[in-house]
PDB file of N, CA and C in Angstrom:
ATOM      1  N   UNK A   1     -23.520  -4.355   9.358  1.00  0.00           N
ATOM      2  CA  UNK A   1     -23.650  -4.987   7.969  1.00  0.00           C
ATOM      3  C   UNK A   1     -23.609  -6.420   7.889  1.00  0.00           C
ATOM      4  N   UNK A   2     -22.290  -6.920   8.790  1.00  0.00           N
ATOM      5  CA  UNK A   2     -21.909  -8.517   8.706  1.00  0.00           C
ATOM      6  C   UNK A   2     -22.112  -8.729  10.049  1.00  0.00           C
ATOM      7  N   UNK A   3     -22.550  -7.918  11.065  1.00  0.00           N
ATOM      8  CA  UNK A   3     -22.626  -8.465  12.336  1.00  0.00           C
ATOM      9  C   UNK A   3     -24.429  -8.966  12.410  1.00  0.00           C
ATOM     10  N   UNK A   4     -24.066 -10.059  13.342  1.00  0.00           N
ATOM     11  CA  UNK A   4     -25.459 -10.860  13.354  1.00  0.00           C
ATOM     12  C   UNK A   4     -25.865 -11.736  12.210  1.00  0.00           C
ATOM     13  N   UNK A   5     -24.749 -11.511  11.368  1.00  0.00           N
ATOM     14  CA  UNK A   5     -24.970 -12.101   9.923  1.00  0.00           C
ATOM     15  C   UNK A   5     -23.626 -13.007   9.549  1.00  0.00           C
ATOM     16  N   UNK A   6     -22.902 -12.361   9.224  1.00  0.00           N
ATOM     17  CA  UNK A   6     -21.400 -12.811   9.145  1.00  0.00           C
ATOM     18  C   UNK A   6     -20.815 -13.493   9.943  1.00  0.00           C
ATOM     19  N   UNK A   7     -21.123 -12.480  11.037  1.00  0.00           N
ATOM     20  CA  UNK A   7     -20.223 -12.811  12.606  1.00  0.00           C
ATOM     21  C   UNK A   7     -20.935 -12.464  13.521  1.00  0.00           C
ATOM     22  N   UNK A   8     -20.827 -13.062  14.771  1.00  0.00           N
ATOM     23  CA  UNK A   8     -21.434 -12.625  16.101  1.00  0.00           C
ATOM     24  C   UNK A   8     -20.423 -12.415  17.008  1.00  0.00           C
ATOM     25  N   UNK A   9     -20.555 -11.269  18.181  1.00  0.00           N
ATOM     26  CA  UNK A   9     -20.113 -11.251  18.954  1.00  0.00           C
ATOM     27  C   UNK A   9     -20.293 -12.028  20.321  1.00  0.00           C
ATOM     28  N   UNK A  10     -19.409 -12.577  20.545  1.00  0.00           N
ATOM     29  CA  UNK A  10     -19.552 -13.504  21.754  1.00  0.00           C
ATOM     30  C   UNK A  10     -19.569 -13.286  22.933  1.00  0.00           C
ATOM     31  N   UNK A  11     -18.202 -11.925  23.194  1.00  0.00           N
ATOM     32  CA  UNK A  11     -18.210 -11.597  24.328  1.00  0.00           C
ATOM     33  C   UNK A  11     -17.505 -10.126  23.688  1.00  0.00           C
ATOM     34  N   UNK A  12     -17.183  -9.209  24.449  1.00  0.00           N
ATOM     35  CA  UNK A  12     -17.037  -7.472  24.416  1.00  0.00           C
ATOM     36  C   UNK A  12     -16.801  -6.799  25.604  1.00  0.00           C
ATOM     37  N   UNK A  13     -15.535  -6.369  26.045  1.00  0.00           N
ATOM     38  CA  UNK A  13     -15.234  -5.739  26.928  1.00  0.00           C
ATOM     39  C   UNK A  13     -14.186  -4.564  26.629  1.00  0.00           C
ATOM     40  N   UNK A  14     -14.415  -3.257  27.388  1.00  0.00           N
ATOM     41  CA  UNK A  14     -13.440  -2.079  26.736  1.00  0.00           C
ATOM     42  C   UNK A  14     -12.524  -2.091  28.331  1.00  0.00           C
ATOM     43  N   UNK A  15     -11.757  -2.082  28.155  1.00  0.00           N
ATOM     44  CA  UNK A  15     -10.485  -1.925  28.989  1.00  0.00           C
ATOM     45  C   UNK A  15      -9.607  -0.686  29.092  1.00  0.00           C
ATOM     46  N   UNK A  16      -9.624   0.148  29.182  1.00  0.00           N
ATOM     47  CA  UNK A  16      -9.073   1.552  29.380  1.00  0.00           C
ATOM     48  C   UNK A  16      -9.613   2.113  27.724  1.00  0.00           C
ATOM     49  N   UNK A  17      -8.202   2.190  26.727  1.00  0.00           N
ATOM     50  CA  UNK A  17      -8.516   2.379  25.196  1.00  0.00           C
ATOM     51  C   UNK A  17      -8.587   1.354  24.860  1.00  0.00           C
ATOM     52  N   UNK A  18      -8.965   0.278  25.101  1.00  0.00           N
ATOM     53  CA  UNK A  18      -8.728  -0.785  24.244  1.00  0.00           C
ATOM     54  C   UNK A  18      -9.995  -1.872  24.185  1.00  0.00           C
ATOM     55  N   UNK A  19     -10.414  -2.543  23.102  1.00  0.00           N
ATOM     56  CA  UNK A  19     -11.676  -2.946  23.037  1.00  0.00           C
ATOM     57  C   UNK A  19     -11.181  -4.490  22.807  1.00  0.00           C
ATOM     58  N   UNK A  20     -11.429  -5.448  23.731  1.00  0.00           N
ATOM     59  CA  UNK A  20     -11.254  -6.815  23.439  1.00  0.00           C
ATOM     60  C   UNK A  20     -12.837  -7.586  23.248  1.00  0.00           C
ATOM     61  N   UNK A  21     -12.563  -8.437  21.915  1.00  0.00           N
ATOM     62  CA  UNK A  21     -13.951  -9.159  21.606  1.00  0.00           C
ATOM     63  C   UNK A  21     -13.400 -10.684  20.900  1.00  0.00           C
ATOM     64  N   UNK A  22     -14.319 -11.461  21.494  1.00  0.00           N
ATOM     65  CA  UNK A  22     -14.340 -12.588  21.208  1.00  0.00           C
ATOM     66  C   UNK A  22     -15.481 -13.064  19.987  1.00  0.00           C
ATOM     67  N   UNK A  23     -15.207 -13.714  18.758  1.00  0.00           N
ATOM     68  CA  UNK A  23     -16.546 -13.315  17.898  1.00  0.00           C
ATOM     69  C   UNK A  23     -16.497 -14.698  17.162  1.00  0.00           C
ATOM     70  N   UNK A  24     -17.627 -15.280  16.694  1.00  0.00           N
ATOM     71  CA  UNK A  24     -17.775 -16.431  15.857  1.00  0.00           C
ATOM     72  C   UNK A  24     -18.518 -16.306  14.637  1.00  0.00           C
ATOM     73  N   UNK A  25     -17.381 -16.704  13.509  1.00  0.00           N
ATOM     74  CA  UNK A  25     -17.700 -16.221  12.346  1.00  0.00           C
ATOM     75  C   UNK A  25     -18.843 -17.686  11.703  1.00  0.00           C
ATOM     76  N   UNK A  26     -19.561 -17.091  11.077  1.00  0.00           N
ATOM     77  CA  UNK A  26     -20.758 -18.557  10.531  1.00  0.00           C
ATOM     78  C   UNK A  26     -20.066 -18.990   9.561  1.00  0.00           C
ATOM     79  N   UNK A  27     -19.526 -19.914   9.579  1.00  0.00           N
ATOM     80  CA  UNK A  27     -18.610 -20.699   8.403  1.00  0.00           C
ATOM     81  C   UNK A  27     -19.705 -21.365   7.239  1.00  0.00           C
ATOM     82  N   UNK A  28     -21.087 -21.142   7.812  1.00  0.00           N
ATOM     83  CA  UNK A  28     -22.275 -21.754   6.733  1.00  0.00           C
ATOM     84  C   UNK A  28     -22.790 -20.470   6.003  1.00  0.00           C
ATOM     85  N   UNK A  29     -22.039 -19.395   6.092  1.00  0.00           N
ATOM     86  CA  UNK A  29     -22.388 -17.848   5.493  1.00  0.00           C
ATOM     87  C   UNK A  29     -22.352 -18.083   3.827  1.00  0.00           C
ATOM     88  N   UNK A  30     -23.417 -17.662   2.985  1.00  0.00           N
ATOM     89  CA  UNK A  30     -23.240 -17.740   1.535  1.00  0.00           C
ATOM     90  C   UNK A  30     -22.105 -17.364   0.959  1.00  0.00           C
ATOM     91  N   UNK A  31     -21.432 -16.090   1.774  1.00  0.00           N
ATOM     92  CA  UNK A  31     -20.005 -15.587   1.242  1.00  0.00           C
ATOM     93  C   UNK A  31     -19.188 -16.687   0.677  1.00  0.00           C
ATOM     94  N   UNK A  32     -19.074 -17.946   1.289  1.00  0.00           N
ATOM     95  CA  UNK A  32     -18.086 -18.800   1.181  1.00  0.00           C
ATOM     96  C   UNK A  32     -18.243 -20.035   0.050  1.00  0.00           C
ATOM     97  N   UNK A  33     -19.665 -19.774  -0.428  1.00  0.00           N
ATOM     98  CA  UNK A  33     -20.064 -20.560  -1.792  1.00  0.00           C
ATOM     99  C   UNK A  33     -19.196 -20.015  -2.644  1.00  0.00           C
ATOM    100  N   UNK A  34     -18.524 -18.276  -2.926  1.00  0.00           N
ATOM    101  CA  UNK A  34     -17.896 -18.044  -3.959  1.00  0.00           C
ATOM    102  C   UNK A  34     -16.577 -17.499  -3.612  1.00  0.00           C
ATOM    103  N   UNK A  35     -16.049 -17.905  -2.061  1.00  0.00           N
ATOM    104  CA  UNK A  35     -14.848 -17.834  -1.532  1.00  0.00           C
ATOM    105  C   UNK A  35     -14.340 -18.234  -0.766  1.00  0.00           C
ATOM    106  N   UNK A  36     -13.878 -19.632  -0.768  1.00  0.00           N
ATOM    107  CA  UNK A  36     -14.042 -20.326  -2.041  1.00  0.00           C
ATOM    108  C   UNK A  36     -14.690 -21.622  -1.477  1.00  0.00           C
ATOM    109  N   UNK A  37     -15.678 -22.483  -2.285  1.00  0.00           N
ATOM    110  CA  UNK A  37     -16.215 -23.470  -1.824  1.00  0.00           C
ATOM    111  C   UNK A  37     -15.496 -24.679  -1.296  1.00  0.00           C
ATOM    112  N   UNK A  38     -14.570 -25.186  -2.141  1.00  0.00           N
ATOM    113  CA  UNK A  38     -13.457 -26.024  -1.299  1.00  0.00           C
ATOM    114  C   UNK A  38     -13.077 -25.920  -0.087  1.00  0.00           C
ATOM    115  N   UNK A  39     -12.418 -24.781   0.003  1.00  0.00           N
ATOM    116  CA  UNK A  39     -11.779 -24.030   0.936  1.00  0.00           C
ATOM    117  C   UNK A  39     -11.887 -22.744   1.577  1.00  0.00           C
ATOM    118  N   UNK A  40     -13.341 -22.622   2.551  1.00  0.00           N
ATOM    119  CA  UNK A  40     -13.764 -21.243   2.630  1.00  0.00           C
ATOM    120  C   UNK A  40     -12.662 -20.124   3.406  1.00  0.00           C
ATOM    121  N   UNK A  41     -12.611 -19.210   2.587  1.00  0.00           N
ATOM    122  CA  UNK A  41     -11.356 -18.038   3.349  1.00  0.00           C
ATOM    123  C   UNK A  41     -12.237 -16.672   3.539  1.00  0.00           C
ATOM    124  N   UNK A  42     -12.451 -16.170   4.878  1.00  0.00           N
ATOM    125  CA  UNK A  42     -12.895 -14.921   5.113  1.00  0.00           C
ATOM    126  C   UNK A  42     -11.961 -13.955   4.132  1.00  0.00           C
ATOM    127  N   UNK A  43     -12.839 -13.197   3.550  1.00  0.00           N
ATOM    128  CA  UNK A  43     -12.257 -12.148   2.476  1.00  0.00           C
ATOM    129  C   UNK A  43     -11.377 -10.967   3.059  1.00  0.00           C
ATOM    130  N   UNK A  44     -10.406 -10.115   2.883  1.00  0.00           N
ATOM    131  CA  UNK A  44      -9.570  -9.393   3.728  1.00  0.00           C
ATOM    132  C   UNK A  44     -10.527  -8.149   3.973  1.00  0.00           C
ATOM    133  N   UNK A  45     -11.698  -7.751   3.010  1.00  0.00           N
ATOM    134  CA  UNK A  45     -12.580  -6.541   3.243  1.00  0.00           C
ATOM    135  C   UNK A  45     -13.663  -6.962   4.556  1.00  0.00           C
ATOM    136  N   UNK A  46     -13.794  -8.328   4.613  1.00  0.00           N
ATOM    137  CA  UNK A  46     -14.808  -8.580   5.859  1.00  0.00           C
ATOM    138  C   UNK A  46     -13.994  -8.667   7.324  1.00  0.00           C
ATOM    139  N   UNK A  47     -12.769  -8.864   6.865  1.00  0.00           N
ATOM    140  CA  UNK A  47     -11.895  -8.420   8.236  1.00  0.00           C
ATOM    141  C   UNK A  47     -11.932  -7.399   8.655  1.00  0.00           C
ATOM    142  N   UNK A  48     -11.927  -6.389   7.927  1.00  0.00           N
ATOM    143  CA  UNK A  48     -11.713  -4.786   8.139  1.00  0.00           C
ATOM    144  C   UNK A  48     -13.095  -4.217   8.534  1.00  0.00           C
ATOM    145  N   UNK A  49     -13.998  -4.778   8.145  1.00  0.00           N
ATOM    146  CA  UNK A  49     -15.475  -4.629   8.506  1.00  0.00           C
ATOM    147  C   UNK A  49     -15.706  -4.979   9.732  1.00  0.00           C
ATOM    148  N   UNK A  50     -15.202  -6.177  10.118  1.00  0.00           N
ATOM    149  CA  UNK A  50     -15.248  -6.809  11.563  1.00  0.00           C
ATOM    150  C   UNK A  50     -14.849  -5.909  12.499  1.00  0.00           C
ATOM    151  N   UNK A  51     -13.754  -5.422  12.229  1.00  0.00           N
ATOM    152  CA  UNK A  51     -13.083  -4.607  13.160  1.00  0.00           C
ATOM    153  C   UNK A  51     -14.085  -2.904  13.417  1.00  0.00           C
ATOM    154  N   UNK A  52     -14.451  -2.584  12.239  1.00  0.00           N
ATOM    155  CA  UNK A  52     -15.051  -1.170  12.184  1.00  0.00           C
ATOM    156  C   UNK A  52     -16.307  -1.722  13.027  1.00  0.00           C
ATOM    157  N   UNK A  53     -17.038  -2.545  12.770  1.00  0.00           N
ATOM    158  CA  UNK A  53     -18.279  -2.944  13.361  1.00  0.00           C
ATOM    159  C   UNK A  53     -18.185  -3.282  14.884  1.00  0.00           C
ATOM    160  N   UNK A  54     -16.960  -3.975  15.323  1.00  0.00           N
ATOM    161  CA  UNK A  54     -16.730  -4.171  16.783  1.00  0.00           C
ATOM    162  C   UNK A  54     -16.848  -2.970  17.628  1.00  0.00           C
ATOM    163  N   UNK A  55     -15.998  -1.952  16.763  1.00  0.00           N
ATOM    164  CA  UNK A  55     -15.909  -0.454  17.390  1.00  0.00           C
ATOM    165  C   UNK A  55     -16.872   0.293  17.623  1.00  0.00           C
ATOM    166  N   UNK A  56     -18.071   0.045  16.214  1.00  0.00           N
ATOM    167  CA  UNK A  56     -19.027   0.797  16.473  1.00  0.00           C
ATOM    168  C   UNK A  56     -20.017   0.394  17.663  1.00  0.00           C
ATOM    169  N   UNK A  57     -20.195  -1.113  17.719  1.00  0.00           N
ATOM    170  CA  UNK A  57     -20.789  -1.624  18.812  1.00  0.00           C
ATOM    171  C   UNK A  57     -20.207  -1.033  20.422  1.00  0.00           C
ATOM    172  N   UNK A  58     -18.948  -0.657  20.586  1.00  0.00           N
ATOM    173  CA  UNK A  58     -18.649  -0.424  21.730  1.00  0.00           C
ATOM    174  C   UNK A  58     -18.861   0.914  21.878  1.00  0.00           C
ATOM    175  N   UNK A  59     -18.530   1.770  21.126  1.00  0.00           N
ATOM    176  CA  UNK A  59     -18.879   3.365  21.085  1.00  0.00           C
ATOM    177  C   UNK A  59     -20.221   4.162  20.824  1.00  0.00           C
ATOM    178  N   UNK A  60     -20.917   3.082  19.824  1.00  0.00           N
ATOM    179  CA  UNK A  60     -22.277   3.569  19.974  1.00  0.00           C
ATOM    180  C   UNK A  60     -22.390   4.367  18.917  1.00  0.00           C
ATOM    181  N   UNK A  61     -21.381   4.582  17.923  1.00  0.00           N
ATOM    182  CA  UNK A  61     -21.164   5.815  17.015  1.00  0.00           C
ATOM    183  C   UNK A  61     -20.900   4.999  15.727  1.00  0.00           C
ATOM    184  N   UNK A  62     -21.357   5.626  14.507  1.00  0.00           N
ATOM    185  CA  UNK A  62     -20.994   5.085  12.899  1.00  0.00           C
ATOM    186  C   UNK A  62     -19.746   5.612  12.434  1.00  0.00           C
ATOM    187  N   UNK A  63     -19.368   4.868  11.959  1.00  0.00           N
ATOM    188  CA  UNK A  63     -17.992   5.531  11.504  1.00  0.00           C
ATOM    189  C   UNK A  63     -17.464   4.931  10.053  1.00  0.00           C
ATOM    190  N   UNK A  64     -16.475   5.199   9.067  1.00  0.00           N
ATOM    191  CA  UNK A  64     -15.922   4.793   8.004  1.00  0.00           C
ATOM    192  C   UNK A  64     -14.646   4.810   8.133  1.00  0.00           C
ATOM    193  N   UNK A  65     -14.056   3.752   7.350  1.00  0.00           N
ATOM    194  CA  UNK A  65     -12.565   3.576   7.355  1.00  0.00           C
ATOM    195  C   UNK A  65     -11.894   4.445   6.688  1.00  0.00           C
ATOM    196  N   UNK A  66     -11.334   5.725   7.108  1.00  0.00           N
ATOM    197  CA  UNK A  66     -10.910   6.660   6.216  1.00  0.00           C
ATOM    198  C   UNK A  66      -9.715   6.565   5.497  1.00  0.00           C
ATOM    199  N   UNK A  67      -8.584   5.634   6.195  1.00  0.00           N
ATOM    200  CA  UNK A  67      -7.392   5.889   5.893  1.00  0.00           C
ATOM    201  C   UNK A  67      -6.442   4.549   6.476  1.00  0.00           C
ATOM    202  N   UNK A  68      -5.865   3.783   5.991  1.00  0.00           N
ATOM    203  CA  UNK A  68      -4.849   2.655   6.727  1.00  0.00           C
ATOM    204  C   UNK A  68      -3.490   3.148   6.596  1.00  0.00           C
ATOM    205  N   UNK A  69      -2.609   3.202   7.776  1.00  0.00           N
ATOM    206  CA  UNK A  69      -1.136   3.276   7.404  1.00  0.00           C
ATOM    207  C   UNK A  69      -0.587   2.019   7.207  1.00  0.00           C
ATOM    208  N   UNK A  70      -1.318   0.953   7.665  1.00  0.00           N
ATOM    209  CA  UNK A  70      -0.636  -0.493   7.447  1.00  0.00           C
ATOM    210  C   UNK A  70      -1.938  -1.472   7.819  1.00  0.00           C
ATOM    211  N   UNK A  71      -2.031  -2.579   6.516  1.00  0.00           N
ATOM    212  CA  UNK A  71      -2.755  -3.519   6.809  1.00  0.00           C
ATOM    213  C   UNK A  71      -1.981  -4.961   6.419  1.00  0.00           C
ATOM    214  N   UNK A  72      -1.763  -5.597   7.231  1.00  0.00           N
ATOM    215  CA  UNK A  72      -1.455  -7.058   7.038  1.00  0.00           C
ATOM    216  C   UNK A  72      -2.023  -8.028   7.337  1.00  0.00           C
ATOM    217  N   UNK A  73      -2.269  -8.813   5.707  1.00  0.00           N
ATOM    218  CA  UNK A  73      -2.829  -9.925   5.758  1.00  0.00           C
ATOM    219  C   UNK A  73      -2.019 -11.186   6.219  1.00  0.00           C
ATOM    220  N   UNK A  74      -1.673 -12.083   7.230  1.00  0.00           N
ATOM    221  CA  UNK A  74      -0.794 -12.831   7.657  1.00  0.00           C
ATOM    222  C   UNK A  74      -1.141 -13.952   7.381  1.00  0.00           C
ATOM    223  N   UNK A  75      -2.354 -14.186   7.644  1.00  0.00           N
ATOM    224  CA  UNK A  75      -2.831 -15.992   7.448  1.00  0.00           C
ATOM    225  C   UNK A  75      -4.231 -15.674   7.149  1.00  0.00           C
ATOM    226  N   UNK A  76      -4.633 -16.550   6.258  1.00  0.00           N
ATOM    227  CA  UNK A  76      -6.095 -16.507   5.881  1.00  0.00           C
ATOM    228  C   UNK A  76      -6.757 -17.026   7.202  1.00  0.00           C
ATOM    229  N   UNK A  77      -8.105 -16.964   7.667  1.00  0.00           N
ATOM    230  CA  UNK A  77      -8.839 -17.528   8.172  1.00  0.00           C
ATOM    231  C   UNK A  77      -9.908 -18.434   7.420  1.00  0.00           C
ATOM    232  N   UNK A  78      -9.767 -19.372   7.827  1.00  0.00           N
ATOM    233  CA  UNK A  78     -10.525 -20.721   7.244  1.00  0.00           C
ATOM    234  C   UNK A  78     -11.598 -21.214   8.416  1.00  0.00           C
ATOM    235  N   UNK A  79     -12.664 -20.527   8.304  1.00  0.00           N
ATOM    236  CA  UNK A  79     -14.150 -20.515   9.284  1.00  0.00           C
ATOM    237  C   UNK A  79     -14.172 -22.147   9.547  1.00  0.00           C
ATOM    238  N   UNK A  80     -13.736 -23.067   8.747  1.00  0.00           N
ATOM    239  CA  UNK A  80     -14.086 -24.468   9.334  1.00  0.00           C
ATOM    240  C   UNK A  80     -13.066 -25.013  10.323  1.00  0.00           C
ATOM    241  N   UNK A  81     -11.920 -24.198  10.221  1.00  0.00           N
ATOM    242  CA  UNK A  81     -10.673 -24.836  11.088  1.00  0.00           C
ATOM    243  C   UNK A  81     -10.430 -23.637  12.611  1.00  0.00           C
ATOM    244  N   UNK A  82     -11.346 -22.354  12.071  1.00  0.00           N
ATOM    245  CA  UNK A  82     -11.103 -21.106  13.073  1.00  0.00           C
ATOM    246  C   UNK A  82     -12.315 -20.560  13.215  1.00  0.00           C
ATOM    247  N   UNK A  83     -13.345 -20.750  13.958  1.00  0.00           N
ATOM    248  CA  UNK A  83     -14.593 -20.194  13.515  1.00  0.00           C
ATOM    249  C   UNK A  83     -14.937 -19.064  14.614  1.00  0.00           C
ATOM    250  N   UNK A  84     -13.860 -19.559  15.688  1.00  0.00           N
ATOM    251  CA  UNK A  84     -13.816 -18.302  16.842  1.00  0.00           C
ATOM    252  C   UNK A  84     -12.394 -17.494  16.938  1.00  0.00           C
ATOM    253  N   UNK A  85     -12.534 -16.209  16.704  1.00  0.00           N
ATOM    254  CA  UNK A  85     -11.423 -15.447  16.691  1.00  0.00           C
ATOM    255  C   UNK A  85     -11.362 -14.580  17.652  1.00  0.00           C
ATOM    256  N   UNK A  86     -10.422 -13.914  18.157  1.00  0.00           N
ATOM    257  CA  UNK A  86     -10.719 -12.939  18.992  1.00  0.00           C
ATOM    258  C   UNK A  86      -9.962 -11.542  18.308  1.00  0.00           C
ATOM    259  N   UNK A  87     -10.629 -10.664  18.829  1.00  0.00           N
ATOM    260  CA  UNK A  87     -10.145  -9.127  18.080  1.00  0.00           C
ATOM    261  C   UNK A  87      -9.444  -8.346  19.398  1.00  0.00           C
ATOM    262  N   UNK A  88      -8.263  -7.680  18.983  1.00  0.00           N
ATOM    263  CA  UNK A  88      -7.765  -6.493  19.973  1.00  0.00           C
ATOM    264  C   UNK A  88      -7.613  -5.470  19.589  1.00  0.00           C
ATOM    265  N   UNK A  89      -8.070  -4.282  19.990  1.00  0.00           N
ATOM    266  CA  UNK A  89      -8.374  -3.111  18.993  1.00  0.00           C
ATOM    267  C   UNK A  89      -7.805  -1.795  20.244  1.00  0.00           C
ATOM    268  N   UNK A  90      -6.971  -1.440  20.073  1.00  0.00           N
ATOM    269  CA  UNK A  90      -6.319  -0.237  20.562  1.00  0.00           C
ATOM    270  C   UNK A  90      -7.040   0.934  20.020  1.00  0.00           C
ATOM    271  N   UNK A  91      -7.548   1.862  20.724  1.00  0.00           N
ATOM    272  CA  UNK A  91      -8.580   3.007  20.268  1.00  0.00           C
ATOM    273  C   UNK A  91      -7.954   4.373  20.828  1.00  0.00           C
ATOM    274  N   UNK A  92      -7.595   5.319  19.835  1.00  0.00           N
ATOM    275  CA  UNK A  92      -7.367   6.808  20.320  1.00  0.00           C
ATOM    276  C   UNK A  92      -8.021   7.634  19.713  1.00  0.00           C
ATOM    277  N   UNK A  93      -8.857   8.512  20.827  1.00  0.00           N
ATOM    278  CA  UNK A  93      -9.857   9.575  20.031  1.00  0.00           C
ATOM    279  C   UNK A  93      -9.000  10.509  19.389  1.00  0.00           C
ATOM    280  N   UNK A  94      -9.660  11.154  18.564  1.00  0.00           N
ATOM    281  CA  UNK A  94      -8.843  12.408  17.790  1.00  0.00           C
ATOM    282  C   UNK A  94      -9.741  13.547  18.253  1.00  0.00           C
ATOM    283  N   UNK A  95      -9.260  14.814  17.662  1.00  0.00           N
ATOM    284  CA  UNK A  95     -10.204  15.855  17.988  1.00  0.00           C
ATOM    285  C   UNK A  95     -11.020  16.481  17.355  1.00  0.00           C
ATOM    286  N   UNK A  96     -11.193  15.344  15.770  1.00  0.00           N
ATOM    287  CA  UNK A  96     -11.981  15.781  14.792  1.00  0.00           C
ATOM    288  C   UNK A  96     -12.695  14.596  14.119  1.00  0.00           C
ATOM    289  N   UNK A  97     -13.431  14.304  15.720  1.00  0.00           N
ATOM    290  CA  UNK A  97     -14.466  12.991  15.177  1.00  0.00           C
ATOM    291  C   UNK A  97     -13.539  11.884  14.507  1.00  0.00           C
ATOM    292  N   UNK A  98     -12.553  11.760  14.876  1.00  0.00           N
ATOM    293  CA  UNK A  98     -12.086  10.568  14.426  1.00  0.00           C
ATOM    294  C   UNK A  98     -11.344   9.817  15.253  1.00  0.00           C
ATOM    295  N   UNK A  99     -11.069   8.401  15.009  1.00  0.00           N
ATOM    296  CA  UNK A  99     -10.594   7.557  15.925  1.00  0.00           C
ATOM    297  C   UNK A  99      -8.997   7.033  15.242  1.00  0.00           C
ATOM    298  N   UNK A 100      -8.140   7.017  15.487  1.00  0.00           N
ATOM    299  CA  UNK A 100      -6.724   6.478  15.111  1.00  0.00           C
ATOM    300  C   UNK A 100      -7.017   4.847  15.926  1.00  0.00           C
ATOM    301  N   UNK A 101      -6.766   3.567  15.343  1.00  0.00           N
ATOM    302  CA  UNK A 101      -6.839   2.480  15.620  1.00  0.00           C
ATOM    303  C   UNK A 101      -5.863   1.250  15.330  1.00  0.00           C
ATOM    304  N   UNK A 102      -5.630   0.699  16.324  1.00  0.00           N
ATOM    305  CA  UNK A 102      -4.502  -0.350  15.753  1.00  0.00           C
ATOM    306  C   UNK A 102      -5.278  -1.530  16.037  1.00  0.00           C
ATOM    307  N   UNK A 103      -5.660  -2.576  15.504  1.00  0.00           N
ATOM    308  CA  UNK A 103      -6.263  -3.908  15.692  1.00  0.00           C
ATOM    309  C   UNK A 103      -5.436  -4.919  14.924  1.00  0.00           C
ATOM    310  N   UNK A 104      -6.048  -6.068  15.748  1.00  0.00           N
ATOM    311  CA  UNK A 104      -5.367  -7.297  15.321  1.00  0.00           C
ATOM    312  C   UNK A 104      -6.446  -8.618  15.566  1.00  0.00           C
ATOM    313  N   UNK A 105      -6.822  -9.598  14.524  1.00  0.00           N
ATOM    314  CA  UNK A 105      -7.518 -10.412  14.308  1.00  0.00           C
ATOM    315  C   UNK A 105      -6.664 -11.855  15.006  1.00  0.00           C
ATOM    316  N   UNK A 106      -6.916 -12.767  15.509  1.00  0.00           N
ATOM    317  CA  UNK A 106      -6.244 -13.619  15.793  1.00  0.00           C
ATOM    318  C   UNK A 106      -6.836 -15.038  16.733  1.00  0.00           C
ATOM    319  N   UNK A 107      -6.045 -15.825  16.495  1.00  0.00           N
ATOM    320  CA  UNK A 107      -6.924 -17.286  17.392  1.00  0.00           C
ATOM    321  C   UNK A 107      -5.656 -17.734  18.096  1.00  0.00           C
ATOM    322  N   UNK A 108      -5.490 -17.822  19.672  1.00  0.00           N
ATOM    323  CA  UNK A 108      -4.057 -18.632  20.011  1.00  0.00           C
ATOM    324  C   UNK A 108      -2.758 -17.409  19.719  1.00  0.00           C
ATOM    325  N   UNK A 109      -1.813 -18.437  19.362  1.00  0.00           N
ATOM    326  CA  UNK A 109      -0.999 -17.998  18.459  1.00  0.00           C
ATOM    327  C   UNK A 109      -0.967 -17.287  17.244  1.00  0.00           C
ATOM    328  N   UNK A 110      -2.054 -17.721  16.456  1.00  0.00           N
ATOM    329  CA  UNK A 110      -2.101 -17.843  15.244  1.00  0.00           C
ATOM    330  C   UNK A 110      -2.601 -15.947  14.772  1.00  0.00           C
ATOM    331  N   UNK A 111      -1.918 -15.420  14.222  1.00  0.00           N
ATOM    332  CA  UNK A 111      -2.480 -13.840  13.744  1.00  0.00           C
ATOM    333  C   UNK A 111      -2.833 -13.965  12.612  1.00  0.00           C
ATOM    334  N   UNK A 112      -4.212 -13.589  12.431  1.00  0.00           N
ATOM    335  CA  UNK A 112      -4.734 -13.504  10.982  1.00  0.00           C
ATOM    336  C   UNK A 112      -4.470 -11.899  10.419  1.00  0.00           C
ATOM    337  N   UNK A 113      -4.607 -10.937  10.673  1.00  0.00           N
ATOM    338  CA  UNK A 113      -4.562  -9.659  10.324  1.00  0.00           C
ATOM    339  C   UNK A 113      -4.561  -8.696  11.102  1.00  0.00           C
ATOM    340  N   UNK A 114      -3.772  -7.475  10.807  1.00  0.00           N
ATOM    341  CA  UNK A 114      -3.541  -5.943  11.445  1.00  0.00           C
ATOM    342  C   UNK A 114      -3.601  -4.967  10.745  1.00  0.00           C
ATOM    343  N   UNK A 115      -3.959  -4.145  11.351  1.00  0.00           N
ATOM    344  CA  UNK A 115      -4.715  -2.721  10.881  1.00  0.00           C
ATOM    345  C   UNK A 115      -4.193  -1.594  11.711  1.00  0.00           C
ATOM    346  N   UNK A 116      -3.796  -0.855  11.158  1.00  0.00           N
ATOM    347  CA  UNK A 116      -3.287   0.205  11.974  1.00  0.00           C
ATOM    348  C   UNK A 116      -3.869   1.635  10.953  1.00  0.00           C
ATOM    349  N   UNK A 117      -4.892   2.325  11.555  1.00  0.00           N
ATOM    350  CA  UNK A 117      -5.494   3.374  10.657  1.00  0.00           C
ATOM    351  C   UNK A 117      -6.289   4.166  11.182  1.00  0.00           C
ATOM    352  N   UNK A 118      -7.594   4.938  10.467  1.00  0.00           N
ATOM    353  CA  UNK A 118      -8.033   6.075  11.123  1.00  0.00           C
ATOM    354  C   UNK A 118      -9.313   5.977  10.082  1.00  0.00           C
ATOM    355  N   UNK A 119     -10.498   5.611  11.375  1.00  0.00           N
ATOM    356  CA  UNK A 119     -12.100   5.848  11.171  1.00  0.00           C
ATOM    357  C   UNK A 119     -12.147   7.426  11.251  1.00  0.00           C
ATOM    358  N   UNK A 120     -13.120   7.410  10.676  1.00  0.00           N
ATOM    359  CA  UNK A 120     -13.773   8.963  10.632  1.00  0.00           C
ATOM    360  C   UNK A 120     -15.504   8.914  11.315  1.00  0.00           C
ATOM    361  N   UNK A 121     -15.757   9.452  11.805  1.00  0.00           N
ATOM    362  CA  UNK A 121     -17.098   9.493  11.888  1.00  0.00           C
ATOM    363  C   UNK A 121     -18.516   9.912  10.767  1.00  0.00           C
ATOM    364  N   UNK A 122     -19.352   8.936  10.645  1.00  0.00           N
ATOM    365  CA  UNK A 122     -20.478   9.338   9.403  1.00  0.00           C
ATOM    366  C   UNK A 122     -20.898  10.596   9.795  1.00  0.00           C
ATOM    367  N   UNK A 123     -21.122  11.478   8.962  1.00  0.00           N
ATOM    368  CA  UNK A 123     -21.938  12.749   9.172  1.00  0.00           C
ATOM    369  C   UNK A 123     -23.544  12.428   8.805  1.00  0.00           C
TER     370      UNK A 123
END
């Protein structure tokens, strides 16, 4: 939905049960016309969607976010200042077509977002 439009995966690798990705956010995307014109900020729902879509690209299956144990928005992502962002995602496969995830979006020492939750395979 947002991949190859709002954001682009520059690199992605799997190491054990972890996914590491570097993405670029399109700082000229039309979403920033309303969120917000003078100071663009990546919406929180887009941060969640970025994580979901990176996982889908890696595992080759479609998921929906089923639940979140913890969501922390620690710092806004202003793509004019940070258009390249790292994603670290730890993935644990469940036995019921689910994935338990622990994900972070960051740039250097600056942490933007953390999510612990459950993804469930779309039927």
